[in-house]
PDB file of all heavy atoms in Angstrom:
ATOM      1  N   ASN A   1       7.500   2.159  10.040  1.00  0.00           N
ATOM      2  CA  ASN A   1       6.527   2.384  11.114  1.00  0.00           C
ATOM      3  C   ASN A   1       5.125   2.076  10.680  1.00  0.00           C
ATOM      4  O   ASN A   1       4.309   1.523  11.500  1.00  0.00           O
ATOM      5  CB  ASN A   1       6.646   3.793  11.606  1.00  0.00           C
ATOM      6  CG  ASN A   1       7.931   4.044  12.408  1.00  0.00           C
ATOM      7  OD1 ASN A   1       8.360   3.162  13.083  1.00  0.00           O
ATOM      8  ND2 ASN A   1       8.390   5.338  12.380  1.00  0.00           N
ATOM      9  N   LEU A   2       4.725   2.387   9.505  1.00  0.00           N
ATOM     10  CA  LEU A   2       3.408   2.085   8.952  1.00  0.00           C
ATOM     11  C   LEU A   2       3.191   0.599   8.921  1.00  0.00           C
ATOM     12  O   LEU A   2       2.126   0.047   9.232  1.00  0.00           O
ATOM     13  CB  LEU A   2       3.137   2.663   7.598  1.00  0.00           C
ATOM     14  CG  LEU A   2       2.984   4.193   7.564  1.00  0.00           C
ATOM     15  CD1 LEU A   2       2.856   4.695   6.069  1.00  0.00           C
ATOM     16  CD2 LEU A   2       1.870   4.683   8.374  1.00  0.00           C
ATOM     17  N   ALA A   3       4.173  -0.162   8.458  1.00  0.00           N
ATOM     18  CA  ALA A   3       4.040  -1.593   8.353  1.00  0.00           C
ATOM     19  C   ALA A   3       3.929  -2.264   9.716  1.00  0.00           C
ATOM     20  O   ALA A   3       3.131  -3.244   9.855  1.00  0.00           O
ATOM     21  CB  ALA A   3       5.328  -2.201   7.657  1.00  0.00           C
ATOM     22  N   LYS A   4       4.482  -1.656  10.774  1.00  0.00           N
ATOM     23  CA  LYS A   4       4.331  -2.222  12.100  1.00  0.00           C
ATOM     24  C   LYS A   4       2.993  -1.935  12.687  1.00  0.00           C
ATOM     25  O   LYS A   4       2.519  -2.619  13.648  1.00  0.00           O
ATOM     26  CB  LYS A   4       5.427  -1.710  13.009  1.00  0.00           C
ATOM     27  CG  LYS A   4       6.854  -2.180  12.676  1.00  0.00           C
ATOM     28  CD  LYS A   4       7.824  -1.805  13.724  1.00  0.00           C
ATOM     29  CE  LYS A   4       8.138  -0.389  13.782  1.00  0.00           C
ATOM     30  NZ  LYS A   4       9.264  -0.126  14.793  1.00  0.00           N
ATOM     31  N   LYS A   5       2.262  -0.965  12.111  1.00  0.00           N
ATOM     32  CA  LYS A   5       0.928  -0.665  12.645  1.00  0.00           C
ATOM     33  C   LYS A   5      -0.247  -1.251  11.912  1.00  0.00           C
ATOM     34  O   LYS A   5      -1.346  -1.366  12.497  1.00  0.00           O
ATOM     35  CB  LYS A   5       0.795   0.903  12.587  1.00  0.00           C
ATOM     36  CG  LYS A   5       1.685   1.650  13.536  1.00  0.00           C
ATOM     37  CD  LYS A   5       1.554   3.151  13.350  1.00  0.00           C
ATOM     38  CE  LYS A   5       2.554   3.905  14.188  1.00  0.00           C
ATOM     39  NZ  LYS A   5       2.438   5.413  13.959  1.00  0.00           N
ATOM     40  N   ILE A   6      -0.067  -1.707  10.706  1.00  0.00           N
ATOM     41  CA  ILE A   6      -1.263  -2.248   9.959  1.00  0.00           C
ATOM     42  C   ILE A   6      -1.635  -3.616  10.564  1.00  0.00           C
ATOM     43  O   ILE A   6      -0.785  -4.361  11.132  1.00  0.00           O
ATOM     44  CB  ILE A   6      -1.003  -2.376   8.481  1.00  0.00           C
ATOM     45  CG1 ILE A   6       0.170  -3.338   8.166  1.00  0.00           C
ATOM     46  CG2 ILE A   6      -0.673  -1.013   7.861  1.00  0.00           C
ATOM     47  CD1 ILE A   6       0.392  -3.618   6.705  1.00  0.00           C
ATOM     48  N   LYS A   7      -2.931  -3.936  10.412  1.00  0.00           N
ATOM     49  CA  LYS A   7      -3.406  -5.233  10.948  1.00  0.00           C
ATOM     50  C   LYS A   7      -3.525  -6.210   9.823  1.00  0.00           C
ATOM     51  O   LYS A   7      -3.732  -5.930   8.669  1.00  0.00           O
ATOM     52  CB  LYS A   7      -4.793  -4.912  11.568  1.00  0.00           C
ATOM     53  CG  LYS A   7      -4.694  -4.010  12.826  1.00  0.00           C
ATOM     54  CD  LYS A   7      -6.108  -3.790  13.389  1.00  0.00           C
ATOM     55  CE  LYS A   7      -5.990  -2.812  14.584  1.00  0.00           C
ATOM     56  NZ  LYS A   7      -7.307  -2.566  15.178  1.00  0.00           N
ATOM     57  N   PRO A   8      -3.450  -7.467  10.183  1.00  0.00           N
ATOM     58  CA  PRO A   8      -3.627  -8.560   9.202  1.00  0.00           C
ATOM     59  C   PRO A   8      -4.956  -8.477   8.553  1.00  0.00           C
ATOM     60  O   PRO A   8      -5.988  -8.120   9.207  1.00  0.00           O
ATOM     61  CB  PRO A   8      -3.441  -9.826  10.039  1.00  0.00           C
ATOM     62  CG  PRO A   8      -2.686  -9.477  11.185  1.00  0.00           C
ATOM     63  CD  PRO A   8      -3.076  -8.017  11.494  1.00  0.00           C
ATOM     64  N   SER A   9      -5.099  -8.877   7.312  1.00  0.00           N
ATOM     65  CA  SER A   9      -6.293  -8.865   6.543  1.00  0.00           C
ATOM     66  C   SER A   9      -7.081 -10.144   6.877  1.00  0.00           C
ATOM     67  O   SER A   9      -6.645 -10.968   7.714  1.00  0.00           O
ATOM     68  CB  SER A   9      -5.990  -8.899   5.018  1.00  0.00           C
ATOM     69  OG  SER A   9      -5.332 -10.132   4.669  1.00  0.00           O
ATOM     70  N   LYS A  10      -8.197 -10.349   6.221  1.00  0.00           N
ATOM     71  CA  LYS A  10      -8.995 -11.558   6.452  1.00  0.00           C
ATOM     72  C   LYS A  10      -8.160 -12.800   6.085  1.00  0.00           C
ATOM     73  O   LYS A  10      -8.444 -13.859   6.561  1.00  0.00           O
ATOM     74  CB  LYS A  10     -10.277 -11.524   5.592  1.00  0.00           C
ATOM     75  CG  LYS A  10     -11.252 -10.452   6.081  1.00  0.00           C
ATOM     76  CD  LYS A  10     -12.482 -10.355   5.182  1.00  0.00           C
ATOM     77  CE  LYS A  10     -13.425  -9.247   5.616  1.00  0.00           C
ATOM     78  NZ  LYS A  10     -14.645  -9.200   4.761  1.00  0.00           N
ATOM     79  N   ARG A  11      -7.204 -12.607   5.198  1.00  0.00           N
ATOM     80  CA  ARG A  11      -6.350 -13.774   4.752  1.00  0.00           C
ATOM     81  C   ARG A  11      -5.239 -14.040   5.767  1.00  0.00           C
ATOM     82  O   ARG A  11      -4.527 -14.950   5.660  1.00  0.00           O
ATOM     83  CB  ARG A  11      -5.673 -13.549   3.433  1.00  0.00           C
ATOM     84  CG  ARG A  11      -6.665 -13.279   2.281  1.00  0.00           C
ATOM     85  CD  ARG A  11      -5.912 -13.302   0.933  1.00  0.00           C
ATOM     86  NE  ARG A  11      -4.842 -12.332   0.840  1.00  0.00           N
ATOM     87  CZ  ARG A  11      -3.912 -12.303  -0.051  1.00  0.00           C
ATOM     88  NH1 ARG A  11      -3.872 -13.261  -0.955  1.00  0.00           N
ATOM     89  NH2 ARG A  11      -2.955 -11.303  -0.098  1.00  0.00           N
ATOM     90  N   GLY A  12      -5.183 -13.159   6.892  1.00  0.00           N
ATOM     91  CA  GLY A  12      -4.203 -13.304   7.891  1.00  0.00           C
ATOM     92  C   GLY A  12      -2.783 -12.732   7.478  1.00  0.00           C
ATOM     93  O   GLY A  12      -1.767 -13.112   8.072  1.00  0.00           O
ATOM     94  N   GLU A  13      -2.809 -11.821   6.452  1.00  0.00           N
ATOM     95  CA  GLU A  13      -1.571 -11.361   5.942  1.00  0.00           C
ATOM     96  C   GLU A  13      -1.500  -9.812   6.113  1.00  0.00           C
ATOM     97  O   GLU A  13      -2.550  -9.118   6.193  1.00  0.00           O
ATOM     98  CB  GLU A  13      -1.428 -11.697   4.478  1.00  0.00           C
ATOM     99  CG  GLU A  13      -1.284 -13.166   4.188  1.00  0.00           C
ATOM    100  CD  GLU A  13      -1.003 -13.473   2.742  1.00  0.00           C
ATOM    101  OE1 GLU A  13      -0.727 -12.447   1.991  1.00  0.00           O
ATOM    102  OE2 GLU A  13      -1.088 -14.681   2.411  1.00  0.00           O
ATOM    103  N   LEU A  14      -0.226  -9.345   6.255  1.00  0.00           N
ATOM    104  CA  LEU A  14       0.030  -7.893   6.241  1.00  0.00           C
ATOM    105  C   LEU A  14       0.068  -7.484   4.738  1.00  0.00           C
ATOM    106  O   LEU A  14       1.087  -7.682   4.086  1.00  0.00           O
ATOM    107  CB  LEU A  14       1.338  -7.547   6.951  1.00  0.00           C
ATOM    108  CG  LEU A  14       1.388  -7.937   8.440  1.00  0.00           C
ATOM    109  CD1 LEU A  14       2.772  -7.568   9.026  1.00  0.00           C
ATOM    110  CD2 LEU A  14       0.237  -7.320   9.190  1.00  0.00           C
ATOM    111  N   GLU A  15      -1.021  -6.904   4.282  1.00  0.00           N
ATOM    112  CA  GLU A  15      -1.150  -6.619   2.858  1.00  0.00           C
ATOM    113  C   GLU A  15      -0.369  -5.374   2.372  1.00  0.00           C
ATOM    114  O   GLU A  15      -0.408  -4.332   3.114  1.00  0.00           O
ATOM    115  CB  GLU A  15      -2.643  -6.476   2.460  1.00  0.00           C
ATOM    116  CG  GLU A  15      -3.505  -7.634   2.915  1.00  0.00           C
ATOM    117  CD  GLU A  15      -3.381  -8.784   1.964  1.00  0.00           C
ATOM    118  OE1 GLU A  15      -2.626  -8.779   1.008  1.00  0.00           O
ATOM    119  OE2 GLU A  15      -4.117  -9.857   2.211  1.00  0.00           O
ATOM    120  N   ILE A  16       0.233  -5.477   1.267  1.00  0.00           N
ATOM    121  CA  ILE A  16       0.951  -4.286   0.659  1.00  0.00           C
ATOM    122  C   ILE A  16      -0.087  -3.214   0.297  1.00  0.00           C
ATOM    123  O   ILE A  16       0.097  -2.043   0.395  1.00  0.00           O
ATOM    124  CB  ILE A  16       1.794  -4.672  -0.497  1.00  0.00           C
ATOM    125  CG1 ILE A  16       2.882  -3.598  -0.760  1.00  0.00           C
ATOM    126  CG2 ILE A  16       0.951  -4.919  -1.691  1.00  0.00           C
ATOM    127  CD1 ILE A  16       4.016  -3.656   0.176  1.00  0.00           C
ATOM    128  N   THR A  17      -1.356  -3.670   0.019  1.00  0.00           N
ATOM    129  CA  THR A  17      -2.421  -2.747  -0.309  1.00  0.00           C
ATOM    130  C   THR A  17      -2.750  -1.842   0.887  1.00  0.00           C
ATOM    131  O   THR A  17      -3.046  -0.656   0.740  1.00  0.00           O
ATOM    132  CB  THR A  17      -3.631  -3.440  -0.867  1.00  0.00           C
ATOM    133  OG1 THR A  17      -3.323  -4.053  -2.140  1.00  0.00           O
ATOM    134  CG2 THR A  17      -4.745  -2.508  -1.090  1.00  0.00           C
ATOM    135  N   SER A  18      -2.735  -2.447   2.082  1.00  0.00           N
ATOM    136  CA  SER A  18      -3.001  -1.679   3.305  1.00  0.00           C
ATOM    137  C   SER A  18      -2.012  -0.635   3.505  1.00  0.00           C
ATOM    138  O   SER A  18      -2.334   0.598   3.816  1.00  0.00           O
ATOM    139  CB  SER A  18      -3.021  -2.612   4.504  1.00  0.00           C
ATOM    140  OG  SER A  18      -3.988  -3.590   4.408  1.00  0.00           O
ATOM    141  N   LEU A  19      -0.719  -0.921   3.155  1.00  0.00           N
ATOM    142  CA  LEU A  19       0.363   0.157   3.323  1.00  0.00           C
ATOM    143  C   LEU A  19       0.058   1.234   2.262  1.00  0.00           C
ATOM    144  O   LEU A  19       0.165   2.427   2.643  1.00  0.00           O
ATOM    145  CB  LEU A  19       1.665  -0.455   3.002  1.00  0.00           C
ATOM    146  CG  LEU A  19       2.510  -1.013   4.094  1.00  0.00           C
ATOM    147  CD1 LEU A  19       3.877  -1.563   3.637  1.00  0.00           C
ATOM    148  CD2 LEU A  19       2.793   0.046   5.184  1.00  0.00           C
ATOM    149  N   ASN A  20      -0.207   0.850   1.073  1.00  0.00           N
ATOM    150  CA  ASN A  20      -0.511   1.873  -0.006  1.00  0.00           C
ATOM    151  C   ASN A  20      -1.659   2.725   0.322  1.00  0.00           C
ATOM    152  O   ASN A  20      -1.634   3.937   0.055  1.00  0.00           O
ATOM    153  CB  ASN A  20      -0.703   1.142  -1.298  1.00  0.00           C
ATOM    154  CG  ASN A  20       0.579   0.524  -1.851  1.00  0.00           C
ATOM    155  OD1 ASN A  20       1.664   0.928  -1.573  1.00  0.00           O
ATOM    156  ND2 ASN A  20       0.404  -0.601  -2.675  1.00  0.00           N
ATOM    157  N   LEU A  21      -2.705   2.142   0.990  1.00  0.00           N
ATOM    158  CA  LEU A  21      -3.857   2.926   1.339  1.00  0.00           C
ATOM    159  C   LEU A  21      -3.511   3.953   2.469  1.00  0.00           C
ATOM    160  O   LEU A  21      -3.996   5.045   2.445  1.00  0.00           O
ATOM    161  CB  LEU A  21      -5.003   2.012   1.788  1.00  0.00           C
ATOM    162  CG  LEU A  21      -5.660   1.243   0.683  1.00  0.00           C
ATOM    163  CD1 LEU A  21      -6.672   0.198   1.254  1.00  0.00           C
ATOM    164  CD2 LEU A  21      -6.436   2.178  -0.240  1.00  0.00           C
ATOM    165  N   GLU A  22      -2.602   3.557   3.353  1.00  0.00           N
ATOM    166  CA  GLU A  22      -2.150   4.524   4.422  1.00  0.00           C
ATOM    167  C   GLU A  22      -1.414   5.656   3.804  1.00  0.00           C
ATOM    168  O   GLU A  22      -1.589   6.831   4.196  1.00  0.00           O
ATOM    169  CB  GLU A  22      -1.244   3.799   5.420  1.00  0.00           C
ATOM    170  CG  GLU A  22      -2.018   2.844   6.388  1.00  0.00           C
ATOM    171  CD  GLU A  22      -2.986   3.627   7.255  1.00  0.00           C
ATOM    172  OE1 GLU A  22      -2.613   4.726   7.721  1.00  0.00           O
ATOM    173  OE2 GLU A  22      -4.094   3.102   7.462  1.00  0.00           O
ATOM    174  N   PHE A  23      -0.534   5.429   2.815  1.00  0.00           N
ATOM    175  CA  PHE A  23       0.145   6.455   2.175  1.00  0.00           C
ATOM    176  C   PHE A  23      -0.854   7.362   1.364  1.00  0.00           C
ATOM    177  O   PHE A  23      -0.729   8.600   1.326  1.00  0.00           O
ATOM    178  CB  PHE A  23       1.218   5.953   1.193  1.00  0.00           C
ATOM    179  CG  PHE A  23       2.510   5.545   1.854  1.00  0.00           C
ATOM    180  CD1 PHE A  23       2.890   4.294   2.002  1.00  0.00           C
ATOM    181  CD2 PHE A  23       3.392   6.583   2.348  1.00  0.00           C
ATOM    182  CE1 PHE A  23       4.090   3.909   2.591  1.00  0.00           C
ATOM    183  CE2 PHE A  23       4.549   6.216   3.006  1.00  0.00           C
ATOM    184  CZ  PHE A  23       4.921   4.936   3.127  1.00  0.00           C
ATOM    185  N   LEU A  24      -1.804   6.672   0.801  1.00  0.00           N
ATOM    186  CA  LEU A  24      -2.857   7.465   0.024  1.00  0.00           C
ATOM    187  C   LEU A  24      -3.656   8.327   0.901  1.00  0.00           C
ATOM    188  O   LEU A  24      -3.969   9.470   0.545  1.00  0.00           O
ATOM    189  CB  LEU A  24      -3.766   6.479  -0.726  1.00  0.00           C
ATOM    190  CG  LEU A  24      -4.829   7.060  -1.581  1.00  0.00           C
ATOM    191  CD1 LEU A  24      -4.214   7.919  -2.747  1.00  0.00           C
ATOM    192  CD2 LEU A  24      -5.700   6.011  -2.273  1.00  0.00           C
ATOM    193  N   LYS A  25      -4.025   7.853   2.090  1.00  0.00           N
ATOM    194  CA  LYS A  25      -4.787   8.629   3.075  1.00  0.00           C
ATOM    195  C   LYS A  25      -4.009   9.828   3.456  1.00  0.00           C
ATOM    196  O   LYS A  25      -4.637  10.898   3.717  1.00  0.00           O
ATOM    197  CB  LYS A  25      -5.066   7.714   4.288  1.00  0.00           C
ATOM    198  CG  LYS A  25      -6.019   8.356   5.280  1.00  0.00           C
ATOM    199  CD  LYS A  25      -6.129   7.515   6.533  1.00  0.00           C
ATOM    200  CE  LYS A  25      -6.542   6.106   6.282  1.00  0.00           C
ATOM    201  NZ  LYS A  25      -6.740   5.299   7.545  1.00  0.00           N
ATOM    202  N   GLN A  26      -2.714   9.722   3.590  1.00  0.00           N
ATOM    203  CA  GLN A  26      -1.887  10.892   3.975  1.00  0.00           C
ATOM    204  C   GLN A  26      -1.473  11.702   2.709  1.00  0.00           C
ATOM    205  O   GLN A  26      -0.742  12.729   2.885  1.00  0.00           O
ATOM    206  CB  GLN A  26      -0.549  10.339   4.593  1.00  0.00           C
ATOM    207  CG  GLN A  26      -0.815   9.612   5.902  1.00  0.00           C
ATOM    208  CD  GLN A  26       0.514   9.052   6.437  1.00  0.00           C
ATOM    209  OE1 GLN A  26       1.602   9.478   6.116  1.00  0.00           O
ATOM    210  NE2 GLN A  26       0.397   8.030   7.309  1.00  0.00           N
ATOM    211  N   LYS A  27      -2.027  11.376   1.593  1.00  0.00           N
ATOM    212  CA  LYS A  27      -1.729  12.102   0.340  1.00  0.00           C
ATOM    213  C   LYS A  27      -0.274  12.168   0.013  1.00  0.00           C
ATOM    214  O   LYS A  27       0.333  13.090  -0.407  1.00  0.00           O
ATOM    215  CB  LYS A  27      -2.286  13.540   0.409  1.00  0.00           C
ATOM    216  CG  LYS A  27      -3.785  13.590   0.506  1.00  0.00           C
ATOM    217  CD  LYS A  27      -4.349  15.052   0.486  1.00  0.00           C
ATOM    218  CE  LYS A  27      -5.903  15.019   0.662  1.00  0.00           C
ATOM    219  NZ  LYS A  27      -6.408  16.430   0.576  1.00  0.00           N
ATOM    220  N   LYS A  28       0.367  10.989   0.252  1.00  0.00           N
ATOM    221  CA  LYS A  28       1.817  10.786   0.038  1.00  0.00           C
ATOM    222  C   LYS A  28       2.105   9.597  -0.881  1.00  0.00           C
ATOM    223  O   LYS A  28       3.036   8.885  -0.631  1.00  0.00           O
ATOM    224  CB  LYS A  28       2.498  10.661   1.396  1.00  0.00           C
ATOM    225  CG  LYS A  28       2.548  11.842   2.272  1.00  0.00           C
ATOM    226  CD  LYS A  28       3.294  11.639   3.549  1.00  0.00           C
ATOM    227  CE  LYS A  28       3.344  12.850   4.441  1.00  0.00           C
ATOM    228  NZ  LYS A  28       4.099  12.518   5.706  1.00  0.00           N
ATOM    229  N   LEU A  29       1.239   9.456  -1.856  1.00  0.00           N
ATOM    230  CA  LEU A  29       1.396   8.297  -2.774  1.00  0.00           C
ATOM    231  C   LEU A  29       1.168   8.764  -4.191  1.00  0.00           C
ATOM    232  O   LEU A  29       0.217   9.420  -4.566  1.00  0.00           O
ATOM    233  CB  LEU A  29       0.409   7.184  -2.481  1.00  0.00           C
ATOM    234  CG  LEU A  29       0.604   5.897  -3.249  1.00  0.00           C
ATOM    235  CD1 LEU A  29       1.808   5.188  -2.807  1.00  0.00           C
ATOM    236  CD2 LEU A  29      -0.622   5.022  -3.145  1.00  0.00           C
ATOM    237  N   GLU A  30       2.234   8.375  -5.043  1.00  0.00           N
ATOM    238  CA  GLU A  30       2.022   8.612  -6.474  1.00  0.00           C
ATOM    239  C   GLU A  30       2.016   7.298  -7.206  1.00  0.00           C
ATOM    240  O   GLU A  30       2.705   6.303  -6.788  1.00  0.00           O
ATOM    241  CB  GLU A  30       3.264   9.381  -6.991  1.00  0.00           C
ATOM    242  CG  GLU A  30       3.355  10.853  -6.462  1.00  0.00           C
ATOM    243  CD  GLU A  30       4.634  11.570  -6.974  1.00  0.00           C
ATOM    244  OE1 GLU A  30       5.168  11.084  -8.024  1.00  0.00           O
ATOM    245  OE2 GLU A  30       5.005  12.608  -6.439  1.00  0.00           O
ATOM    246  N   VAL A  31       1.214   7.208  -8.199  1.00  0.00           N
ATOM    247  CA  VAL A  31       1.119   5.977  -9.056  1.00  0.00           C
ATOM    248  C   VAL A  31       1.575   6.341 -10.473  1.00  0.00           C
ATOM    249  O   VAL A  31       0.965   7.140 -11.078  1.00  0.00           O
ATOM    250  CB  VAL A  31      -0.302   5.398  -9.107  1.00  0.00           C
ATOM    251  CG1 VAL A  31      -0.309   4.130 -10.002  1.00  0.00           C
ATOM    252  CG2 VAL A  31      -0.729   5.018  -7.636  1.00  0.00           C
ATOM    253  N   ASN A  32       2.675   5.766 -10.954  1.00  0.00           N
ATOM    254  CA  ASN A  32       3.151   5.968 -12.238  1.00  0.00           C
ATOM    255  C   ASN A  32       2.716   4.879 -13.121  1.00  0.00           C
ATOM    256  O   ASN A  32       2.690   3.652 -12.765  1.00  0.00           O
ATOM    257  CB  ASN A  32       4.662   6.049 -12.328  1.00  0.00           C
ATOM    258  CG  ASN A  32       5.292   7.269 -11.722  1.00  0.00           C
ATOM    259  OD1 ASN A  32       4.510   8.121 -11.194  1.00  0.00           O
ATOM    260  ND2 ASN A  32       6.561   7.425 -11.734  1.00  0.00           N
ATOM    261  N   ILE A  33       2.158   5.213 -14.327  1.00  0.00           N
ATOM    262  CA  ILE A  33       1.699   4.143 -15.244  1.00  0.00           C
ATOM    263  C   ILE A  33       2.896   3.622 -16.108  1.00  0.00           C
ATOM    264  O   ILE A  33       3.554   4.476 -16.774  1.00  0.00           O
ATOM    265  CB  ILE A  33       0.600   4.687 -16.173  1.00  0.00           C
ATOM    266  CG1 ILE A  33      -0.622   5.124 -15.277  1.00  0.00           C
ATOM    267  CG2 ILE A  33       0.114   3.647 -17.135  1.00  0.00           C
ATOM    268  CD1 ILE A  33      -1.175   4.129 -14.428  1.00  0.00           C
ATOM    269  N   LEU A  34       3.035   2.417 -16.166  1.00  0.00           N
ATOM    270  CA  LEU A  34       4.092   1.767 -16.999  1.00  0.00           C
ATOM    271  C   LEU A  34       3.464   1.537 -18.396  1.00  0.00           C
ATOM    272  O   LEU A  34       2.675   0.627 -18.578  1.00  0.00           O
ATOM    273  CB  LEU A  34       4.469   0.394 -16.372  1.00  0.00           C
ATOM    274  CG  LEU A  34       5.235   0.472 -15.116  1.00  0.00           C
ATOM    275  CD1 LEU A  34       5.600  -0.912 -14.593  1.00  0.00           C
ATOM    276  CD2 LEU A  34       6.524   1.287 -15.224  1.00  0.00           C
ATOM    277  N   ASP A  35       3.793   2.369 -19.325  1.00  0.00           N
ATOM    278  CA  ASP A  35       3.231   2.290 -20.661  1.00  0.00           C
ATOM    279  C   ASP A  35       4.259   1.970 -21.741  1.00  0.00           C
ATOM    280  O   ASP A  35       3.952   1.705 -22.911  1.00  0.00           O
ATOM    281  CB  ASP A  35       2.434   3.551 -21.047  1.00  0.00           C
ATOM    282  CG  ASP A  35       3.240   4.821 -20.947  1.00  0.00           C
ATOM    283  OD1 ASP A  35       4.474   4.710 -20.684  1.00  0.00           O
ATOM    284  OD2 ASP A  35       2.642   5.939 -21.060  1.00  0.00           O
ATOM    285  N   SER A  36       5.513   1.959 -21.383  1.00  0.00           N
ATOM    286  CA  SER A  36       6.566   1.605 -22.332  1.00  0.00           C
ATOM    287  C   SER A  36       7.477   0.518 -21.783  1.00  0.00           C
ATOM    288  O   SER A  36       8.609   0.337 -22.186  1.00  0.00           O
ATOM    289  CB  SER A  36       7.490   2.871 -22.600  1.00  0.00           C
ATOM    290  OG  SER A  36       8.061   3.324 -21.405  1.00  0.00           O
ATOM    291  N   VAL A  37       6.850  -0.216 -20.863  1.00  0.00           N
ATOM    292  CA  VAL A  37       7.596  -1.319 -20.215  1.00  0.00           C
ATOM    293  C   VAL A  37       6.738  -2.547 -20.181  1.00  0.00           C
ATOM    294  O   VAL A  37       5.527  -2.460 -19.985  1.00  0.00           O
ATOM    295  CB  VAL A  37       8.001  -0.933 -18.728  1.00  0.00           C
ATOM    296  CG1 VAL A  37       8.591  -2.132 -17.996  1.00  0.00           C
ATOM    297  CG2 VAL A  37       8.971   0.166 -18.710  1.00  0.00           C
ATOM    298  N   PHE A  38       7.343  -3.700 -20.449  1.00  0.00           N
ATOM    299  CA  PHE A  38       6.643  -5.009 -20.317  1.00  0.00           C
ATOM    300  C   PHE A  38       6.744  -5.522 -18.860  1.00  0.00           C
ATOM    301  O   PHE A  38       7.840  -5.502 -18.271  1.00  0.00           O
ATOM    302  CB  PHE A  38       7.167  -6.018 -21.255  1.00  0.00           C
ATOM    303  CG  PHE A  38       6.888  -5.734 -22.682  1.00  0.00           C
ATOM    304  CD1 PHE A  38       7.833  -5.214 -23.544  1.00  0.00           C
ATOM    305  CD2 PHE A  38       5.603  -6.114 -23.249  1.00  0.00           C
ATOM    306  CE1 PHE A  38       7.528  -4.905 -24.821  1.00  0.00           C
ATOM    307  CE2 PHE A  38       5.331  -5.825 -24.592  1.00  0.00           C
ATOM    308  CZ  PHE A  38       6.333  -5.251 -25.381  1.00  0.00           C
TER     309      PHE A  38
END
């Protein structure tokens, strides 16, 4: 549902960053650091 609501960026694309920002705004986003993976 979030993907259907976001608007295209200046590049004309539906950005994954826009989705992540929506989850972040709702405080529903975790970021795990990959420190033992290439």
